Protein backbone atom coordinates (compact mmCIF):
# COMPACT_ATOMS: atom_id res chain seq x y z
CA MET A 1 -9.47 -18.90 14.61
CA ILE A 2 -11.05 -17.26 11.47
CA PRO A 3 -10.64 -19.63 8.51
CA ARG A 4 -9.14 -17.08 6.14
CA TYR A 5 -6.32 -16.25 8.57
CA THR A 6 -5.97 -19.97 9.22
CA ALA A 7 -5.36 -20.48 5.48
CA GLU A 8 -2.83 -17.71 5.43
CA LEU A 9 -0.89 -19.09 8.33
CA ALA A 10 -0.84 -22.56 6.72
CA GLY A 11 0.29 -21.24 3.37
CA SER A 12 3.98 -21.38 2.41
CA PRO A 13 5.90 -18.33 3.43
CA ARG A 14 6.86 -15.66 0.74
CA PRO A 15 10.58 -15.99 -0.12
CA PRO A 16 12.73 -12.90 1.24
CA LEU A 17 13.22 -10.18 -1.25
CA ARG A 18 16.54 -10.35 -3.14
CA ARG A 19 18.82 -7.40 -2.96
CA LEU A 20 19.30 -6.04 -6.49
CA ALA A 21 22.85 -5.87 -7.80
CA LEU A 22 22.24 -2.90 -10.23
CA VAL A 23 20.51 -0.02 -8.82
CA PRO A 24 20.88 3.36 -10.68
CA PRO A 25 20.91 6.30 -8.15
CA PRO A 26 17.89 8.61 -8.58
CA ALA A 27 18.88 11.68 -10.54
CA ASP A 28 18.13 15.17 -9.10
CA GLY A 29 14.34 15.82 -9.51
CA GLU A 30 13.66 12.55 -11.09
CA ALA A 31 10.07 11.11 -10.89
CA PHE A 32 9.66 7.60 -9.31
CA HIS A 33 8.18 6.04 -12.32
CA SER A 34 11.14 7.22 -14.46
CA TRP A 35 13.70 5.78 -11.88
CA PHE A 36 11.62 2.62 -11.83
CA PHE A 37 11.71 2.02 -15.58
CA ARG A 38 15.49 2.85 -15.52
CA LEU A 39 15.78 -0.08 -13.08
CA VAL A 40 13.93 -2.20 -15.44
CA GLU A 41 16.14 -1.26 -18.29
CA ALA A 42 19.41 -1.79 -16.16
CA HIS A 43 18.13 -5.46 -15.55
CA HIS A 44 17.00 -5.92 -19.13
CA SER A 45 13.94 -7.14 -17.48
CA HIS A 46 10.08 -6.76 -17.60
CA ARG A 47 8.04 -4.21 -15.73
CA ASP A 48 6.09 -6.96 -13.74
CA THR A 49 9.08 -8.76 -12.96
CA ILE A 50 10.86 -5.87 -11.17
CA THR A 51 7.61 -4.97 -9.46
CA SER A 52 7.45 -8.52 -8.06
CA LEU A 53 11.16 -8.34 -6.98
CA LEU A 54 10.64 -4.81 -5.22
CA GLY A 55 7.40 -6.09 -3.55
CA LEU A 56 5.54 -3.16 -5.05
CA PRO A 57 1.85 -3.09 -5.98
CA ALA A 58 0.92 -3.49 -9.72
CA TYR A 59 2.08 -0.81 -11.91
CA THR A 60 -0.22 2.03 -13.25
CA PRO A 61 1.07 5.36 -14.41
CA ARG A 62 -1.17 7.16 -11.78
CA ARG A 63 -0.14 5.03 -9.04
CA TYR A 64 3.55 5.31 -9.62
CA THR A 65 3.20 9.03 -10.08
CA LEU A 66 1.39 9.81 -6.87
CA GLY A 67 2.77 7.21 -4.66
CA GLU A 68 0.02 7.14 -2.19
CA ASP A 69 0.21 3.34 -1.74
CA PHE A 70 4.10 3.29 -1.37
CA PHE A 71 4.01 4.06 2.43
CA ALA A 72 1.07 1.78 3.15
CA ILE A 73 0.62 -2.03 3.69
CA HIS A 74 0.22 -4.12 0.55
CA ASP A 75 -0.37 -7.88 0.55
CA GLY A 76 0.45 -7.85 4.43
CA GLU A 77 3.82 -6.06 4.19
CA TYR A 78 4.98 -2.47 4.33
CA VAL A 79 5.62 -1.46 0.66
CA PHE A 80 8.38 0.87 1.40
CA GLU A 81 10.36 -1.57 3.60
CA ASN A 82 10.34 -4.03 0.66
CA LEU A 83 11.66 -1.40 -1.75
CA ARG A 84 14.21 -0.13 0.73
CA ASP A 85 15.57 -3.69 1.39
CA ALA A 86 15.96 -4.41 -2.31
CA THR A 87 17.33 -1.07 -3.57
CA GLY A 88 18.65 0.74 -0.47
CA LEU A 89 16.49 3.71 -1.39
CA ARG A 90 15.80 5.93 1.64
CA ALA A 91 12.46 7.30 2.63
CA ARG A 92 13.41 10.94 2.02
CA ALA A 93 14.73 10.25 -1.42
CA MET A 94 11.61 8.20 -2.36
CA ASN A 95 9.26 10.92 -0.95
CA ALA A 96 11.04 13.50 -3.21
CA MET A 97 10.31 11.55 -6.36
CA LEU A 98 6.48 11.15 -5.64
CA LEU A 99 4.00 13.74 -6.43
CA THR A 100 2.48 13.46 -2.96
CA GLY A 101 5.91 14.75 -1.63
CA GLN A 102 5.49 17.99 -3.66
CA GLY A 103 3.01 19.54 -1.44
CA GLY A 104 -0.32 21.37 -2.40
CA ARG A 105 -2.30 18.24 -2.05
CA PHE A 106 -5.94 19.42 -2.00
CA ILE A 107 -7.60 22.87 -2.20
CA THR A 108 -11.13 23.00 -1.01
CA HIS A 109 -11.96 26.43 -2.42
CA SER A 110 -11.66 27.94 -5.85
CA TRP A 111 -11.46 31.47 -7.26
CA THR A 112 -14.15 30.44 -9.89
CA GLY A 113 -16.76 30.38 -7.02
CA ASN A 114 -17.30 26.65 -7.01
CA THR A 115 -16.23 24.83 -3.84
CA THR A 116 -14.13 21.85 -4.87
CA THR A 117 -11.82 19.26 -3.42
CA ARG A 118 -9.18 18.53 -6.04
CA PRO A 119 -5.45 18.30 -6.43
CA TRP A 120 -5.49 21.26 -8.79
CA PRO A 121 -1.69 21.95 -8.49
CA TRP A 122 -0.97 18.59 -10.11
CA ARG A 123 -0.99 16.97 -13.46
CA THR A 124 -1.69 13.47 -12.39
CA ASP A 125 -2.13 11.76 -15.71
CA THR A 126 -0.25 14.00 -17.97
CA ALA A 127 2.91 16.21 -17.87
CA ALA A 128 4.58 19.09 -19.53
CA ILE A 129 8.06 17.96 -20.49
CA CYS A 130 11.37 19.55 -21.68
CA PRO A 131 12.53 17.90 -24.75
CA ARG A 132 16.17 18.70 -24.10
CA CYS A 133 15.95 16.80 -20.81
CA LEU A 134 14.82 13.81 -22.70
CA ALA A 135 17.36 14.09 -25.48
CA ALA A 136 20.09 12.48 -23.02
CA PRO A 137 21.13 8.93 -23.63
CA THR A 138 19.28 7.94 -20.52
CA PRO A 139 16.16 10.08 -20.45
CA ILE A 140 15.32 11.55 -16.99
CA TRP A 141 11.64 12.26 -16.48
CA ARG A 142 11.30 14.97 -13.76
CA ILE A 143 8.55 15.02 -11.10
CA ALA A 144 8.23 18.87 -11.36
CA TRP A 145 6.63 18.25 -14.80
CA HIS A 146 3.64 16.99 -13.05
CA LEU A 147 3.17 20.32 -11.15
CA LEU A 148 1.07 23.05 -12.86
CA PRO A 149 3.11 25.93 -11.85
CA CYS A 150 6.20 24.45 -13.66
CA VAL A 151 6.18 25.96 -17.03
CA VAL A 152 9.78 26.26 -17.62
CA CYS A 153 12.88 24.06 -17.46
CA PRO A 154 15.37 25.76 -15.22
CA LEU A 155 18.13 23.68 -16.59
CA HIS A 156 17.81 24.54 -20.16
CA ARG A 157 15.76 27.88 -19.93
CA VAL A 158 13.02 26.67 -22.37
CA TYR A 159 9.19 26.43 -21.85
CA LEU A 160 7.82 23.01 -21.07
CA THR A 161 5.42 21.45 -23.75
CA GLY A 162 2.37 19.45 -22.66
CA TRP A 163 1.12 18.69 -26.19
CA CYS A 164 2.23 16.34 -28.93
CA PRO A 165 1.94 17.97 -32.40
CA SER A 166 1.71 14.70 -34.10
CA CYS A 167 -1.43 13.25 -32.36
CA HIS A 168 -2.53 16.48 -30.94
CA THR A 169 -3.18 15.25 -27.46
CA ARG A 170 -1.56 15.63 -24.21
CA ILE A 171 1.84 14.04 -23.28
CA SER A 172 1.39 11.28 -20.77
CA VAL A 173 3.25 8.64 -18.73
CA GLY A 174 3.00 5.01 -20.19
CA ASP A 175 3.20 1.48 -19.28
CA THR A 176 6.61 0.84 -20.87
CA PRO A 177 10.03 2.57 -20.74
CA ARG A 178 9.29 3.99 -24.25
CA TYR A 179 7.18 6.86 -23.00
CA ARG A 180 10.37 8.57 -21.89
CA ARG A 181 11.50 8.67 -25.51
CA GLU A 182 8.23 8.58 -27.58
CA CYS A 183 4.86 9.99 -27.29
CA ASN A 184 2.56 7.72 -25.42
CA GLY A 185 -0.56 9.09 -27.26
CA PRO A 186 -3.15 9.59 -28.38
CA PHE A 187 -4.40 10.53 -24.88
CA GLY A 188 -8.13 11.21 -24.18
CA ARG A 189 -10.24 12.17 -21.32
CA GLN A 190 -10.33 8.71 -19.80
CA GLY A 191 -6.68 8.07 -20.49
CA ARG A 192 -5.00 6.57 -23.44
CA ILE A 193 -7.40 5.83 -26.29
CA ILE A 194 -7.35 2.16 -26.40
CA GLY A 195 -7.16 0.52 -29.95
CA SER A 196 -5.68 3.62 -31.45
CA ARG A 197 -2.43 3.61 -33.52
CA ASN A 198 0.59 4.54 -31.40
CA CYS A 199 1.86 8.02 -31.93
CA ARG A 200 5.66 7.20 -31.39
CA GLN A 201 6.52 10.91 -31.84
CA GLN A 202 10.27 11.21 -30.66
CA LEU A 203 9.75 13.68 -27.75
CA ALA A 204 13.42 14.87 -27.81
CA GLN A 205 12.54 16.26 -31.37
CA LEU A 206 9.73 18.40 -30.23
CA PRO A 207 10.33 22.17 -30.76
CA CYS A 208 11.62 24.26 -27.84
CA HIS A 209 10.77 27.80 -27.12
CA GLN A 210 13.41 29.82 -25.33
CA LEU A 211 12.43 31.50 -22.13
CA GLY A 212 12.09 35.30 -22.87
CA ASP A 213 11.72 36.74 -19.30
CA GLU A 214 13.76 35.32 -16.33
CA ARG A 215 10.95 36.70 -13.94
CA LEU A 216 8.76 33.69 -14.92
CA LEU A 217 11.51 31.50 -13.60
CA ARG A 218 11.59 33.23 -10.19
CA ILE A 219 7.69 33.12 -10.05
CA GLN A 220 7.81 29.41 -10.60
CA HIS A 221 10.58 28.81 -7.93
CA ASP A 222 8.56 30.86 -5.36
CA LEU A 223 5.28 29.00 -6.13
CA CYS A 224 6.77 25.59 -5.87
CA ALA A 225 8.50 26.57 -2.77
CA ARG A 226 5.28 27.88 -1.27
CA LEU A 227 3.69 24.56 -2.16
CA ARG A 228 5.93 22.70 0.41
CA ARG A 229 5.07 25.14 3.36
CA PRO A 230 2.45 24.27 5.99
CA ARG A 231 -0.94 25.97 5.47
CA ASP A 232 -1.79 26.75 9.20
CA GLY A 233 -3.99 29.51 10.46
CA PRO A 234 -7.66 30.55 10.88
CA ILE A 235 -9.93 28.88 8.18
CA GLU A 236 -11.32 31.99 6.39
CA PRO A 237 -7.98 33.92 5.95
CA THR A 238 -6.42 30.81 4.81
CA LYS A 239 -9.27 30.26 2.20
CA ASP A 240 -8.86 33.85 1.05
CA PHE A 241 -5.06 33.29 0.66
CA TRP A 242 -5.38 30.17 -1.41
CA ASP A 243 -8.01 31.80 -3.59
CA LEU A 244 -5.34 34.43 -4.50
CA TYR A 245 -2.64 31.88 -4.64
CA GLU A 246 -4.61 29.89 -7.21
CA LEU A 247 -4.99 32.88 -9.31
CA LEU A 248 -1.23 33.47 -9.18
CA PHE A 249 -0.66 29.81 -10.43
CA ARG A 250 -2.87 30.28 -13.31
CA LEU A 251 -1.44 33.64 -14.22
CA ALA A 252 2.08 32.07 -14.20
CA ILE A 253 0.67 29.04 -16.35
CA TYR A 254 -0.87 31.59 -18.70
CA LEU A 255 2.38 33.38 -19.26
CA GLY A 256 4.18 30.15 -20.00
CA THR A 257 1.91 27.58 -21.33
CA PRO A 258 -1.62 29.10 -22.00
CA GLU A 259 -2.92 25.55 -23.28
CA MET A 260 -2.95 24.35 -19.82
CA LEU A 261 -5.57 27.06 -18.82
CA PRO A 262 -9.50 26.07 -19.21
CA THR A 263 -11.01 26.89 -22.43
CA GLY A 264 -12.08 30.58 -22.98
CA THR A 265 -9.79 31.98 -20.14
CA THR A 266 -8.35 35.30 -21.16
CA PHE A 267 -5.61 37.49 -19.71
CA VAL A 268 -7.98 40.25 -19.23
CA GLY A 269 -10.27 38.08 -17.24
CA LEU A 270 -7.50 36.92 -14.91
CA LEU A 271 -6.40 40.43 -14.36
CA GLY A 272 -10.13 41.33 -13.57
CA VAL A 273 -10.38 38.41 -10.93
CA GLY A 274 -7.12 39.58 -9.44
CA ARG A 275 -8.16 43.11 -9.10
CA ARG A 276 -11.26 42.09 -7.36
CA ALA A 277 -9.33 39.76 -5.09
CA PHE A 278 -6.94 42.55 -4.05
CA ASP A 279 -9.86 45.09 -3.63
CA SER A 280 -11.79 42.78 -1.46
CA GLY A 281 -8.69 42.23 0.72
């Protein structure tokens, strides 16, 4: 027998996971990382302690936002089975809280002319938030805030904001429950700027701009619904469709949060690309 496996068999077995007594039910549209930290707060515990109790891999903001590891094997055991046994959380509910369950995973063609493979409908490291949603006694961070086409809060009818006016960087998910109440910045290209002074801007106090046109909310709803539909069909027509679809995303983002567009993008330029796309079709 291979020595490594012999050592594993000879080692003491891991104790069975303990069913947690306090498990807050996931809120409608809540992100998994938000629910996880509500679980940490409910037990007045530490993040790493709850991670160990649930049998989850080590916490990182990106890992707990995407959730790609949660339906895999970690340390010789199925991650989701550990979580389900400890909390009673069902697979459907967990998948709805993860970014990988929102659809639109990878697009291999771009309207800019550059062929790319990237999760462009996602904000994996940052988010555009609704300050009014985070003003509740128990703040709920929504998974939709990580989707690029989501520019409006359908609950409060206000534009989402992705920038902190205090540290002038993007709003991001942090390593402690505090990020649901205070800005986790400053946030740079490589993540949170290590060694910098914490911003601590109260997110619930950020200014909110009221939605002016309900049409944008309908566009947002339709685009998010389209993300979850299968993308079957011939290769070339599918590419052409997603080229135009990406344009619609960027147009919706421009109408709501222009700071999310690449530097130098103009509304006239977007219309020109759209006109060419329609003419070629």
